[in-house]
C-alpha atoms as a PDB file:
ATOM      1  CA  MET A   1      26.972 -12.426 -13.588  1.00  0.00           C
ATOM      2  CA  ALA A   2      24.008 -12.072 -16.231  1.00  0.00           C
ATOM      3  CA  ALA A   3      20.774 -11.053 -14.586  1.00  0.00           C
ATOM      4  CA  THR A   4      18.055 -13.854 -13.011  1.00  0.00           C
ATOM      5  CA  GLN A   5      14.755 -13.207 -15.021  1.00  0.00           C
ATOM      6  CA  GLN A   6      12.390 -13.806 -12.337  1.00  0.00           C
ATOM      7  CA  PRO A   7       8.670 -12.623 -12.670  1.00  0.00           C
ATOM      8  CA  PHE A   8       7.091 -10.704 -10.009  1.00  0.00           C
ATOM      9  CA  PRO A   9       4.579 -12.526  -7.771  1.00  0.00           C
ATOM     10  CA  ARG A  10       0.397 -12.291  -8.433  1.00  0.00           C
ATOM     11  CA  LEU A  11      -0.660 -10.109  -5.972  1.00  0.00           C
ATOM     12  CA  ASP A  12      -2.982 -12.429  -4.628  1.00  0.00           C
ATOM     13  CA  THR A  13       0.072 -14.928  -3.439  1.00  0.00           C
ATOM     14  CA  PRO A  14       0.403 -14.893   0.504  1.00  0.00           C
ATOM     15  CA  PHE A  15       4.194 -13.525   0.893  1.00  0.00           C
ATOM     16  CA  VAL A  16       4.188 -15.989   3.809  1.00  0.00           C
ATOM     17  CA  GLU A  17       2.523 -19.442   4.112  1.00  0.00           C
ATOM     18  CA  SER A  18      -0.061 -21.248   6.661  1.00  0.00           C
ATOM     19  CA  ASN A  19       3.566 -22.813   8.350  1.00  0.00           C
ATOM     20  CA  GLY A  20       4.912 -19.558   8.371  1.00  0.00           C
ATOM     21  CA  LEU A  21       7.624 -19.948   6.008  1.00  0.00           C
ATOM     22  CA  LEU A  22       8.184 -17.504   2.856  1.00  0.00           C
ATOM     23  CA  SER A  23       6.681 -18.590   0.010  1.00  0.00           C
ATOM     24  CA  ILE A  24       8.303 -20.045  -2.805  1.00  0.00           C
ATOM     25  CA  PRO A  25       7.260 -17.023  -5.180  1.00  0.00           C
ATOM     26  CA  TRP A  26       8.331 -14.208  -3.039  1.00  0.00           C
ATOM     27  CA  TYR A  27      11.698 -16.211  -1.946  1.00  0.00           C
ATOM     28  CA  LYS A  28      12.428 -16.990  -5.568  1.00  0.00           C
ATOM     29  CA  LEU A  29      12.230 -12.834  -6.444  1.00  0.00           C
ATOM     30  CA  LEU A  30      14.063 -12.156  -3.213  1.00  0.00           C
ATOM     31  CA  VAL A  31      17.349 -14.712  -4.163  1.00  0.00           C
ATOM     32  CA  ALA A  32      16.986 -12.900  -7.640  1.00  0.00           C
ATOM     33  CA  LEU A  33      16.957  -8.997  -6.078  1.00  0.00           C
ATOM     34  CA  TRP A  34      19.947 -10.417  -3.932  1.00  0.00           C
ATOM     35  CA  GLN A  35      21.636 -11.527  -7.006  1.00  0.00           C
ATOM     36  CA  ASN A  36      21.155  -8.770  -9.077  1.00  0.00           C
ATOM     37  CA  GLY A  37      22.129  -6.581  -6.959  1.00  0.00           C
ATOM     38  CA  GLY A  38      25.242  -8.466  -6.777  1.00  0.00           C
ATOM     39  CA  GLY A  39      25.070 -11.318  -4.099  1.00  0.00           C
ATOM     40  CA  GLY A  40      27.456 -11.842  -1.882  1.00  0.00           C
ATOM     41  CA  ASN A  41      30.231  -9.816  -3.775  1.00  0.00           C
ATOM     42  CA  VAL A  42      29.249  -6.649  -2.647  1.00  0.00           C
ATOM     43  CA  PRO A  43      32.155  -5.215  -0.664  1.00  0.00           C
ATOM     44  CA  THR A  44      29.924  -3.526   2.087  1.00  0.00           C
ATOM     45  CA  ALA A  45      27.383  -6.466   2.667  1.00  0.00           C
ATOM     46  CA  GLN A  46      24.143  -6.226   4.032  1.00  0.00           C
ATOM     47  CA  ALA A  47      22.115  -8.942   5.314  1.00  0.00           C
ATOM     48  CA  VAL A  48      18.479  -8.431   5.409  1.00  0.00           C
ATOM     49  CA  TYR A  49      14.843  -9.929   7.586  1.00  0.00           C
ATOM     50  CA  PHE A  50      11.625  -9.308   7.190  1.00  0.00           C
ATOM     51  CA  LEU A  51       8.816  -9.607  10.004  1.00  0.00           C
ATOM     52  CA  ILE A  52       5.145  -8.834   8.934  1.00  0.00           C
ATOM     53  CA  ASN A  53       4.085  -6.090  10.991  1.00  0.00           C
ATOM     54  CA  GLY A  54       0.218  -6.818  10.599  1.00  0.00           C
ATOM     55  CA  SER A  55      -0.828  -3.608   8.776  1.00  0.00           C
ATOM     56  CA  GLY A  56      -0.816  -5.361   4.927  1.00  0.00           C
ATOM     57  CA  GLY A  57       3.132  -4.486   5.632  1.00  0.00           C
ATOM     58  CA  VAL A  58       6.425  -5.694   5.933  1.00  0.00           C
ATOM     59  CA  ASP A  59       9.367  -4.299   8.063  1.00  0.00           C
ATOM     60  CA  VAL A  60      13.243  -4.610   7.069  1.00  0.00           C
ATOM     61  CA  PHE A  61      15.806  -4.786   8.551  1.00  0.00           C
ATOM     62  CA  ASP A  62      19.617  -4.373   8.625  1.00  0.00           C
ATOM     63  CA  SER A  63      21.251  -7.753  10.712  1.00  0.00           C
ATOM     64  CA  LEU A  64      24.374  -6.925  11.609  1.00  0.00           C
ATOM     65  CA  ASN A  65      23.555  -3.807  12.523  1.00  0.00           C
ATOM     66  CA  ASN A  66      19.515  -4.288  13.981  1.00  0.00           C
ATOM     67  CA  THR A  67      18.745  -1.576  12.520  1.00  0.00           C
ATOM     68  CA  TYR A  68      15.718  -0.550  10.211  1.00  0.00           C
ATOM     69  CA  ILE A  69      15.849   0.475   6.610  1.00  0.00           C
ATOM     70  CA  GLY A  70      11.987   0.616   6.336  1.00  0.00           C
ATOM     71  CA  THR A  71       8.293  -1.026   5.513  1.00  0.00           C
ATOM     72  CA  ILE A  72       7.027  -2.656   2.462  1.00  0.00           C
ATOM     73  CA  PHE A  73       3.389  -2.594   1.861  1.00  0.00           C
ATOM     74  CA  LEU A  74       1.888  -4.961  -0.213  1.00  0.00           C
ATOM     75  CA  VAL A  75      -0.487  -4.275  -2.202  1.00  0.00           C
ATOM     76  CA  GLY A  76      -3.777  -6.428  -4.203  1.00  0.00           C
ATOM     77  CA  GLN A  77      -4.489  -9.262  -1.133  1.00  0.00           C
ATOM     78  CA  ALA A  78      -7.332 -10.549  -1.507  1.00  0.00           C
ATOM     79  CA  GLY A  79     -10.007 -10.310   0.883  1.00  0.00           C
ATOM     80  CA  GLN A  80      -8.897  -6.775   3.385  1.00  0.00           C
ATOM     81  CA  PRO A  81     -12.234  -5.458   5.304  1.00  0.00           C
ATOM     82  CA  ALA A  82     -13.933  -2.820   4.457  1.00  0.00           C
ATOM     83  CA  VAL A  83     -13.018   0.163   6.608  1.00  0.00           C
ATOM     84  CA  ALA A  84     -15.848   2.382   7.505  1.00  0.00           C
ATOM     85  CA  GLU A  85     -14.727   6.114   8.166  1.00  0.00           C
ATOM     86  CA  ALA A  86     -15.981   8.974  10.147  1.00  0.00           C
ATOM     87  CA  PRO A  87     -15.903  12.459   8.451  1.00  0.00           C
ATOM     88  CA  GLY A  88     -15.665  15.221  10.738  1.00  0.00           C
ATOM     89  CA  ALA A  89     -16.150  19.007   9.558  1.00  0.00           C
ATOM     90  CA  SER A  90     -16.346  19.552   5.397  1.00  0.00           C
ATOM     91  CA  PRO A  91     -14.085  19.353   3.566  1.00  0.00           C
ATOM     92  CA  TYR A  92     -12.967  15.940   5.004  1.00  0.00           C
ATOM     93  CA  LEU A  93      -9.391  14.629   3.157  1.00  0.00           C
ATOM     94  CA  PHE A  94      -8.644  11.353   3.157  1.00  0.00           C
ATOM     95  CA  ALA A  95      -5.092  10.551   2.466  1.00  0.00           C
ATOM     96  CA  ALA A  96      -3.894   6.885   1.200  1.00  0.00           C
ATOM     97  CA  LEU A  97      -1.007   4.755   2.087  1.00  0.00           C
ATOM     98  CA  THR A  98      -1.763   1.854   0.026  1.00  0.00           C
ATOM     99  CA  SER A  99      -3.826   1.714  -2.868  1.00  0.00           C
ATOM    100  CA  GLY A 100      -8.146   0.779  -2.800  1.00  0.00           C
ATOM    101  CA  HIS A 101     -11.316   1.863  -3.390  1.00  0.00           C
ATOM    102  CA  LEU A 102     -12.536   4.960  -1.248  1.00  0.00           C
ATOM    103  CA  ALA A 103     -16.834   5.217  -1.706  1.00  0.00           C
ATOM    104  CA  ILE A 104     -18.160   8.072  -1.088  1.00  0.00           C
ATOM    105  CA  SER A 105     -21.597   8.826  -0.851  1.00  0.00           C
ATOM    106  CA  GLY A 106     -23.621  12.540   0.078  1.00  0.00           C
ATOM    107  CA  ALA A 107     -20.320  15.167  -0.879  1.00  0.00           C
ATOM    108  CA  LYS A 108     -18.791  16.126  -4.502  1.00  0.00           C
ATOM    109  CA  ILE A 109     -15.312  14.288  -4.018  1.00  0.00           C
ATOM    110  CA  GLU A 110     -12.067  15.716  -5.670  1.00  0.00           C
ATOM    111  CA  LEU A 111      -9.117  13.549  -6.180  1.00  0.00           C
ATOM    112  CA  SER A 112      -5.411  14.852  -6.064  1.00  0.00           C
ATOM    113  CA  ARG A 113      -2.207  12.237  -6.844  1.00  0.00           C
ATOM    114  CA  ASP A 114       0.531  15.360  -5.916  1.00  0.00           C
ATOM    115  CA  ALA A 115      -0.409  16.060  -2.383  1.00  0.00           C
ATOM    116  CA  GLY A 116      -2.985  18.237  -2.903  1.00  0.00           C
ATOM    117  CA  ALA A 117      -0.988  20.865  -5.023  1.00  0.00           C
ATOM    118  CA  THR A 118      -3.569  20.005  -7.744  1.00  0.00           C
ATOM    119  CA  TRP A 119      -8.130  18.468  -7.470  1.00  0.00           C
ATOM    120  CA  PHE A 120      -8.965  16.297  -9.974  1.00  0.00           C
ATOM    121  CA  PRO A 121     -13.458  16.761  -9.371  1.00  0.00           C
ATOM    122  CA  VAL A 122     -14.827  13.743 -10.183  1.00  0.00           C
ATOM    123  CA  SER A 123     -18.623  13.586  -9.028  1.00  0.00           C
ATOM    124  CA  LEU A 124     -21.001  16.472  -6.888  1.00  0.00           C
ATOM    125  CA  THR A 125     -22.602  13.731  -5.415  1.00  0.00           C
ATOM    126  CA  GLY A 126     -20.429  10.935  -4.182  1.00  0.00           C
ATOM    127  CA  ALA A 127     -18.862   7.390  -6.203  1.00  0.00           C
ATOM    128  CA  ALA A 128     -16.354   5.308  -5.567  1.00  0.00           C
ATOM    129  CA  VAL A 129     -13.008   6.442  -6.331  1.00  0.00           C
ATOM    130  CA  PRO A 130      -9.838   3.963  -7.233  1.00  0.00           C
ATOM    131  CA  VAL A 131      -7.064   5.210  -4.805  1.00  0.00           C
ATOM    132  CA  LEU A 132      -3.281   4.853  -5.337  1.00  0.00           C
ATOM    133  CA  ASN A 133      -0.155   5.084  -1.919  1.00  0.00           C
ATOM    134  CA  GLY A 134      -0.059   8.995  -1.930  1.00  0.00           C
ATOM    135  CA  ASP A 135      -3.189  10.438  -3.966  1.00  0.00           C
ATOM    136  CA  ALA A 136      -5.665  12.372  -1.298  1.00  0.00           C
ATOM    137  CA  VAL A 137      -9.285  12.530  -1.674  1.00  0.00           C
ATOM    138  CA  ARG A 138     -11.240  15.512  -0.479  1.00  0.00           C
ATOM    139  CA  ALA A 139     -15.022  15.339   0.192  1.00  0.00           C
ATOM    140  CA  THR A 140     -17.094  18.462   0.734  1.00  0.00           C
ATOM    141  CA  TRP A 141     -20.498  18.876   1.753  1.00  0.00           C
ATOM    142  CA  TYR A 142     -22.667  21.140   3.003  1.00  0.00           C
ATOM    143  CA  GLY A 143     -24.942  20.734   5.778  1.00  0.00           C
ATOM    144  CA  SER A 144     -24.880  19.452   8.414  1.00  0.00           C
ATOM    145  CA  THR A 145     -24.970  15.459   7.476  1.00  0.00           C
ATOM    146  CA  ALA A 146     -21.673  14.363   6.886  1.00  0.00           C
ATOM    147  CA  PRO A 147     -21.249  11.955   3.924  1.00  0.00           C
ATOM    148  CA  THR A 148     -21.130   7.836   4.157  1.00  0.00           C
ATOM    149  CA  VAL A 149     -17.326   7.390   3.829  1.00  0.00           C
ATOM    150  CA  THR A 150     -15.894   3.638   3.161  1.00  0.00           C
ATOM    151  CA  TRP A 151     -12.275   2.363   2.522  1.00  0.00           C
ATOM    152  CA  PHE A 152     -11.759  -0.867   0.878  1.00  0.00           C
ATOM    153  CA  PRO A 153      -8.018  -1.671   0.749  1.00  0.00           C
ATOM    154  CA  ASP A 154      -6.769  -3.651  -1.914  1.00  0.00           C
END
């Protein structure tokens, strides 16, 4: 069977429409993935179903034995609200579970893309740091006033 070409849906395309049904672009992508993976011709067929988990992700379950497979985190959803973070003691470590921007004012900022093995300096006083899923940001300050930290998820 020839591979089916299907573009990835735009990042602002809702996964589920307001009527509760899967949106057409995401449905077409899932069908293309299923067809390219062998469709129903795979010897060990596995049927899956998807549930929106309310935390910006989709939980995937194996419907044949009702077991959890994993979570797909959706990125690029428009209109995610800002979240005020409450840094404790210095240094404050922020681990990104999705992509977005972390705005920090009043601290030295460093970014790590390898789970904290290597830190790259970003700013000495504050910045808006673009982060990807799995990135870590470290804010260090000297004094009794903690920095202002705001998370802007994509």
